[in-house]
């Protein structure tokens, strides 16, 4: 995920990292996460980073192919 520092920790998360994290959260919960649900999962990047990179939580979920109320990830097909 993203760029790593000397200790191997990410120092910057990409748009793709954010989308991947939202998809992981959706798979774990069985539906699109709220911000609080996402935070409780302890995933990285943080919800604030996701909102900043993707233009808000709702827009981020749309970019990840997960809509509010959806129980699965939407494909591009």
Foldseek 3Di string as FASTA:
>chain_A
DADADPVRHHPADALVNLLVLQQVLLVVVQAGDDLVSSVVVVDPDHPVNLCVRQVHDQSSCVVSQGHHPDRHRHDPD
